[in-house]
Amino acid sequence: MIRATAADAQIRAFAVTGRNLTEEARQSHNTSPIATAALGRTMCGALMMADMLKGPEDLLTIRIDGDGPLGGIVVTADNKGGVKGYVRNPNVILPPNAQGHLNVGGAVGNGTLTVLRDLGLKDPYVGTIALRTGEIAEDLTYYYAVSEQIPSSVGLGVLMNKEDATVRQAGGFIVQLMPFAAEETISLLEKNLSDIPPVTAMLEEGMTPQDMLGRVLRGMDVTVTDRMPVRFSCECSSERCERGLVLLGAEELQSMIDDGKPVTMTCQFCGKQYTFPVEKLTELRDRALRGVTEA
């Protein structure tokens, strides 16, 4: 992922390639091609949006709640290149849309897009808009215009291999006009955006993030200000699951123990499973009891 400025800092821009992280997410969640495309687009968008965060512990979450068969998308990214996410129904299959492409908009349906910025304050910043198309990029463009009043253009794309449904390409860009942008800069950007190929077509040509921004911002003297590796990253652990079980309380844990079967917890974000035998559940129940006594 890169960050850049152009036209004497009248424009700020971001671009990312995320094939490997999208493929890792596909394997973790066993997603269908449409679900993979929806999740990959959202993760690439979240990575670039999170790169705008300032604090080292700041987090950005995109939540899409639609009435389509996908059910919804949740993605969280930090400003160090880490992202994780899931879709509520990973097995969605739909016919192609009118253009012959994966029908992500049909899978998402109508609903809302919410962006949450956790900046370490008492409450996160929350912005919510109605979905325009469900195709993700158009909705994020609309989000910036309505919720943050920043003229922006967002391009996102995921291309699948037809023979084995693995991820062939994934990536995107965000371009934003600064308040002092001159009219000629705005006109040139609009002209460039009117005839650029889709993100996946640029990636298929072998374009890097810098190449993509060079195409989108042609004639505007692009300066790359930062580069960062990106990855599919989840902080789940057995210890975190244990803490969650203890918080259920001794009574609930005793009920699990009485069933006499191991309890398996699955991380929604990465699909990793953690299994706790009855002996471990007994230990956690005792921890919960000590917590009650100490309280």
Protein backbone atom coordinates (compact mmCIF):
# COMPACT_ATOMS: atom_id res chain seq x y z
CA MET A 1 0.00 0.00 0.00
CA ILE A 2 1.22 3.49 -0.79
CA ARG A 3 0.22 7.00 0.24
CA ALA A 4 0.84 9.91 -2.11
CA THR A 5 0.13 13.53 -2.90
CA ALA A 6 -0.31 15.18 -6.28
CA ALA A 7 -0.76 18.59 -7.88
CA ASP A 8 1.25 20.42 -5.21
CA ALA A 9 -0.60 18.62 -2.39
CA GLN A 10 -4.03 19.61 -3.75
CA ILE A 11 -4.76 15.88 -3.86
CA ARG A 12 -4.03 13.06 -1.44
CA ALA A 13 -4.23 9.49 -2.64
CA PHE A 14 -3.85 5.88 -1.54
CA ALA A 15 -3.50 2.65 -3.50
CA VAL A 16 -3.19 -0.98 -2.47
CA THR A 17 -2.80 -4.45 -3.90
CA GLY A 18 -4.30 -7.17 -1.72
CA ARG A 19 -4.37 -10.43 -3.64
CA ASN A 20 -2.57 -12.48 -1.00
CA LEU A 21 -4.54 -11.18 1.97
CA THR A 22 -7.83 -11.67 0.11
CA GLU A 23 -6.85 -15.23 -0.78
CA GLU A 24 -5.95 -15.89 2.85
CA ALA A 25 -9.35 -14.60 3.92
CA ARG A 26 -11.01 -16.79 1.27
CA GLN A 27 -9.25 -19.87 2.60
CA SER A 28 -9.98 -18.99 6.24
CA HIS A 29 -13.71 -18.55 5.65
CA ASN A 30 -14.19 -20.85 2.63
CA THR A 31 -16.04 -18.05 0.85
CA SER A 32 -17.81 -18.30 -2.50
CA PRO A 33 -16.52 -16.08 -5.34
CA ILE A 34 -19.16 -13.38 -4.69
CA ALA A 35 -18.49 -13.40 -0.94
CA THR A 36 -14.73 -13.29 -1.60
CA ALA A 37 -15.14 -10.29 -3.92
CA ALA A 38 -17.31 -8.42 -1.41
CA LEU A 39 -14.94 -9.13 1.47
CA GLY A 40 -11.80 -8.38 -0.55
CA ARG A 41 -13.13 -5.05 -1.79
CA THR A 42 -14.12 -4.03 1.73
CA MET A 43 -10.76 -5.06 3.20
CA CYS A 44 -8.81 -3.11 0.58
CA GLY A 45 -10.99 -0.05 1.20
CA ALA A 46 -10.61 -0.35 4.97
CA LEU A 47 -6.81 -0.60 4.73
CA MET A 48 -6.58 2.68 2.82
CA MET A 49 -9.06 4.43 5.10
CA ALA A 50 -7.21 3.19 8.20
CA ASP A 51 -3.97 4.61 6.79
CA MET A 52 -5.50 8.03 7.48
CA LEU A 53 -5.65 7.30 11.22
CA LYS A 54 -3.06 9.00 13.44
CA GLY A 55 -2.67 7.03 16.69
CA PRO A 56 -0.76 3.72 16.80
CA GLU A 57 -3.69 1.96 18.50
CA ASP A 58 -6.45 3.53 16.37
CA LEU A 59 -8.77 1.14 14.55
CA LEU A 60 -11.26 1.54 11.72
CA THR A 61 -14.22 -0.76 11.20
CA ILE A 62 -16.51 -0.91 8.18
CA ARG A 63 -19.85 -2.62 8.79
CA ILE A 64 -22.21 -3.23 5.90
CA ASP A 65 -25.71 -4.40 6.78
CA GLY A 66 -27.76 -5.35 3.75
CA ASP A 67 -30.94 -7.27 3.06
CA GLY A 68 -29.33 -9.39 0.33
CA PRO A 69 -28.32 -13.04 0.76
CA LEU A 70 -24.79 -12.09 1.87
CA GLY A 71 -26.29 -10.83 5.12
CA GLY A 72 -23.57 -8.30 5.87
CA ILE A 73 -19.83 -7.62 6.03
CA VAL A 74 -17.62 -6.64 8.97
CA VAL A 75 -14.00 -5.55 8.43
CA THR A 76 -11.52 -4.01 10.88
CA ALA A 77 -8.15 -2.46 9.93
CA ASP A 78 -5.34 -0.72 11.79
CA ASN A 79 -2.91 1.88 10.47
CA LYS A 80 -0.03 -0.58 10.42
CA GLY A 81 -1.26 -2.57 7.42
CA GLY A 82 -3.29 -5.20 9.26
CA VAL A 83 -6.85 -6.10 8.30
CA LYS A 84 -9.38 -8.81 9.17
CA GLY A 85 -13.01 -9.42 8.30
CA TYR A 86 -15.84 -11.79 7.55
CA VAL A 87 -19.17 -12.01 5.75
CA ARG A 88 -22.23 -13.39 7.51
CA ASN A 89 -23.12 -15.85 4.74
CA PRO A 90 -19.92 -17.01 3.05
CA ASN A 91 -21.68 -19.44 0.68
CA VAL A 92 -23.69 -17.01 -1.46
CA ILE A 93 -23.99 -17.91 -5.14
CA LEU A 94 -25.82 -15.67 -7.64
CA PRO A 95 -25.91 -15.38 -11.45
CA PRO A 96 -23.63 -12.70 -12.97
CA ASN A 97 -24.94 -9.14 -13.20
CA ALA A 98 -25.93 -7.41 -16.44
CA GLN A 99 -22.26 -6.69 -17.22
CA GLY A 100 -21.33 -10.34 -16.77
CA HIS A 101 -19.45 -9.71 -13.52
CA LEU A 102 -19.86 -11.05 -9.99
CA ASN A 103 -23.08 -9.55 -8.66
CA VAL A 104 -21.75 -8.12 -5.39
CA GLY A 105 -24.48 -5.46 -5.30
CA GLY A 106 -27.18 -8.10 -5.55
CA ALA A 107 -25.55 -10.15 -2.81
CA VAL A 108 -25.34 -7.14 -0.47
CA GLY A 109 -28.77 -5.69 -1.28
CA ASN A 110 -30.22 -2.55 0.29
CA GLY A 111 -29.18 -1.35 3.72
CA THR A 112 -26.54 0.75 5.45
CA LEU A 113 -22.79 1.28 5.52
CA THR A 114 -21.28 2.30 8.85
CA VAL A 115 -17.71 3.46 9.48
CA LEU A 116 -16.46 3.37 13.08
CA ARG A 117 -13.19 5.02 14.07
CA ASP A 118 -11.91 3.90 17.47
CA LEU A 119 -9.44 6.63 18.43
CA GLY A 120 -9.00 5.54 22.04
CA LEU A 121 -11.62 8.00 23.29
CA LYS A 122 -14.69 7.21 25.38
CA ASP A 123 -16.84 6.72 22.29
CA PRO A 124 -15.81 5.93 18.71
CA TYR A 125 -16.60 8.24 15.82
CA VAL A 126 -19.49 6.71 13.88
CA GLY A 127 -20.79 7.64 10.44
CA THR A 128 -23.64 5.82 8.70
CA ILE A 129 -25.11 6.18 5.21
CA ALA A 130 -27.69 4.33 3.16
CA LEU A 131 -26.11 2.02 0.60
CA ARG A 132 -26.21 3.35 -2.94
CA THR A 133 -25.32 0.26 -4.97
CA GLY A 134 -23.88 -2.36 -2.62
CA GLU A 135 -20.83 -2.57 -4.88
CA ILE A 136 -18.65 -1.17 -2.03
CA ALA A 137 -16.52 1.37 -3.96
CA GLU A 138 -19.47 3.57 -4.94
CA ASP A 139 -20.80 3.36 -1.40
CA LEU A 140 -17.49 4.47 0.13
CA THR A 141 -17.31 7.35 -2.36
CA TYR A 142 -20.79 8.39 -1.26
CA TYR A 143 -19.85 7.96 2.40
CA TYR A 144 -16.99 10.45 2.08
CA ALA A 145 -19.21 12.96 0.27
CA VAL A 146 -22.11 12.78 2.72
CA SER A 147 -20.60 11.88 6.10
CA GLU A 148 -17.25 13.68 5.90
CA GLN A 149 -17.81 16.22 3.10
CA ILE A 150 -14.57 15.18 1.35
CA PRO A 151 -14.80 14.96 -2.47
CA SER A 152 -13.38 11.51 -3.15
CA SER A 153 -13.19 8.77 -5.73
CA VAL A 154 -12.85 5.15 -4.60
CA GLY A 155 -12.00 2.30 -6.94
CA LEU A 156 -11.96 -1.33 -5.74
CA GLY A 157 -11.79 -4.67 -7.49
CA VAL A 158 -11.36 -8.41 -6.95
CA LEU A 159 -10.83 -10.85 -9.82
CA MET A 160 -11.24 -14.59 -9.33
CA ASN A 161 -9.64 -17.48 -11.21
CA LYS A 162 -12.50 -19.31 -12.91
CA GLU A 163 -10.83 -22.72 -12.86
CA ASP A 164 -10.35 -23.01 -9.09
CA ALA A 165 -12.12 -19.95 -7.57
CA THR A 166 -8.89 -18.62 -6.04
CA VAL A 167 -8.10 -14.91 -5.98
CA ARG A 168 -6.34 -13.67 -9.10
CA GLN A 169 -6.21 -9.93 -8.38
CA ALA A 170 -7.38 -7.59 -5.62
CA GLY A 171 -6.74 -3.95 -4.88
CA GLY A 172 -7.96 -0.41 -5.18
CA PHE A 173 -7.37 3.31 -4.79
CA ILE A 174 -8.77 6.33 -2.98
CA VAL A 175 -8.24 9.84 -4.34
CA GLN A 176 -9.35 12.91 -2.37
CA LEU A 177 -9.43 16.60 -3.18
CA MET A 178 -8.15 19.03 -0.59
CA PRO A 179 -10.33 22.11 0.21
CA PHE A 180 -7.91 24.43 -1.62
CA ALA A 181 -7.83 22.40 -4.86
CA ALA A 182 -7.92 24.65 -7.94
CA GLU A 183 -10.63 24.33 -10.55
CA GLU A 184 -8.16 23.17 -13.20
CA THR A 185 -6.96 20.39 -10.88
CA ILE A 186 -10.53 19.27 -10.30
CA SER A 187 -11.25 19.30 -14.04
CA LEU A 188 -8.14 17.26 -14.87
CA LEU A 189 -8.95 14.69 -12.17
CA GLU A 190 -12.51 14.36 -13.45
CA LYS A 191 -11.20 13.84 -16.97
CA ASN A 192 -8.76 11.18 -15.83
CA LEU A 193 -11.40 9.35 -13.81
CA SER A 194 -13.82 9.37 -16.73
CA ASP A 195 -11.66 7.07 -18.86
CA ILE A 196 -9.62 4.88 -16.50
CA PRO A 197 -10.06 1.10 -16.82
CA PRO A 198 -11.43 -0.97 -13.90
CA VAL A 199 -9.05 -1.68 -11.02
CA THR A 200 -8.84 -5.36 -11.91
CA ALA A 201 -7.94 -4.51 -15.52
CA MET A 202 -5.09 -2.30 -14.32
CA LEU A 203 -3.87 -5.04 -11.99
CA GLU A 204 -4.07 -7.59 -14.82
CA GLU A 205 -1.75 -5.33 -16.79
CA GLY A 206 0.78 -5.77 -13.99
CA MET A 207 0.32 -2.32 -12.48
CA THR A 208 1.68 -1.66 -9.00
CA PRO A 209 -0.11 0.68 -6.58
CA GLN A 210 2.18 3.47 -7.79
CA ASP A 211 1.34 2.67 -11.42
CA MET A 212 -2.38 2.84 -10.64
CA LEU A 213 -2.07 6.26 -9.04
CA GLY A 214 0.09 7.39 -11.94
CA ARG A 215 -2.77 6.42 -14.26
CA VAL A 216 -5.52 7.99 -12.15
CA LEU A 217 -3.48 11.16 -11.49
CA ARG A 218 -1.89 11.46 -14.89
CA GLY A 219 -0.36 14.89 -15.47
CA MET A 220 -0.43 15.85 -11.78
CA ASP A 221 3.13 15.19 -10.54
CA VAL A 222 2.51 12.32 -8.10
CA THR A 223 4.80 12.08 -5.05
CA VAL A 224 4.77 8.88 -2.98
CA THR A 225 5.08 9.77 0.71
CA ASP A 226 4.81 6.34 2.36
CA ARG A 227 4.88 2.61 1.58
CA MET A 228 3.62 -0.18 3.81
CA PRO A 229 3.19 -3.97 3.54
CA VAL A 230 -0.38 -5.19 4.13
CA ARG A 231 -1.60 -8.48 5.55
CA PHE A 232 -4.62 -10.43 6.75
CA SER A 233 -4.07 -10.31 10.51
CA CYS A 234 -6.12 -11.42 13.50
CA GLU A 235 -5.19 -11.02 17.18
CA CYS A 236 -7.36 -13.86 18.45
CA SER A 237 -5.76 -16.31 20.87
CA SER A 238 -6.59 -19.09 23.30
CA GLU A 239 -6.03 -16.64 26.16
CA ARG A 240 -8.61 -14.21 24.79
CA CYS A 241 -11.13 -17.02 24.44
CA GLU A 242 -10.44 -18.08 28.01
CA ARG A 243 -11.14 -14.56 29.25
CA GLY A 244 -14.40 -14.57 27.32
CA LEU A 245 -15.46 -17.85 28.87
CA VAL A 246 -14.65 -16.62 32.38
CA LEU A 247 -16.82 -13.56 31.76
CA LEU A 248 -19.78 -15.90 31.09
CA GLY A 249 -19.74 -16.67 34.82
CA ALA A 250 -19.41 -19.78 36.95
CA GLU A 251 -23.03 -20.86 36.48
CA GLU A 252 -22.83 -20.94 32.69
CA LEU A 253 -19.45 -22.69 32.82
CA GLN A 254 -20.86 -25.31 35.21
CA SER A 255 -23.62 -25.99 32.70
CA MET A 256 -20.97 -26.63 30.03
CA ILE A 257 -19.08 -28.91 32.42
CA ASP A 258 -22.27 -30.86 33.19
CA ASP A 259 -22.69 -31.56 29.46
CA GLY A 260 -19.43 -33.45 29.66
CA LYS A 261 -18.24 -32.35 26.22
CA PRO A 262 -15.40 -30.09 25.04
CA VAL A 263 -16.41 -26.56 24.00
CA THR A 264 -15.11 -25.20 20.70
CA MET A 265 -14.99 -21.45 19.97
CA THR A 266 -14.50 -20.15 16.45
CA CYS A 267 -13.11 -16.69 15.69
CA GLN A 268 -15.50 -14.88 13.36
CA PHE A 269 -12.71 -12.84 11.81
CA CYS A 270 -10.24 -15.56 10.85
CA GLY A 271 -12.08 -18.85 11.32
CA LYS A 272 -9.52 -20.28 13.75
CA GLN A 273 -10.95 -22.69 16.30
CA TYR A 274 -10.05 -23.08 19.99
CA THR A 275 -11.20 -26.20 21.86
CA PHE A 276 -11.47 -26.38 25.65
CA PRO A 277 -11.83 -29.83 27.30
CA VAL A 278 -13.91 -30.34 30.42
CA GLU A 279 -10.80 -30.15 32.61
CA LYS A 280 -10.01 -26.69 31.25
CA LEU A 281 -13.61 -25.57 31.68
CA THR A 282 -13.40 -26.64 35.34
CA GLU A 283 -10.29 -24.52 35.78
CA LEU A 284 -12.04 -21.54 34.16
CA ARG A 285 -15.10 -22.03 36.38
CA ASP A 286 -12.84 -21.90 39.43
CA ARG A 287 -11.31 -18.67 38.07
CA ALA A 288 -14.78 -17.23 37.67
CA LEU A 289 -15.68 -18.21 41.24
CA ARG A 290 -12.53 -16.59 42.59
CA GLY A 291 -13.42 -13.47 40.68
CA VAL A 292 -16.85 -13.36 42.28
CA THR A 293 -15.35 -13.96 45.76
CA GLU A 294 -12.70 -11.29 45.26
CA ALA A 295 -15.31 -8.83 43.99
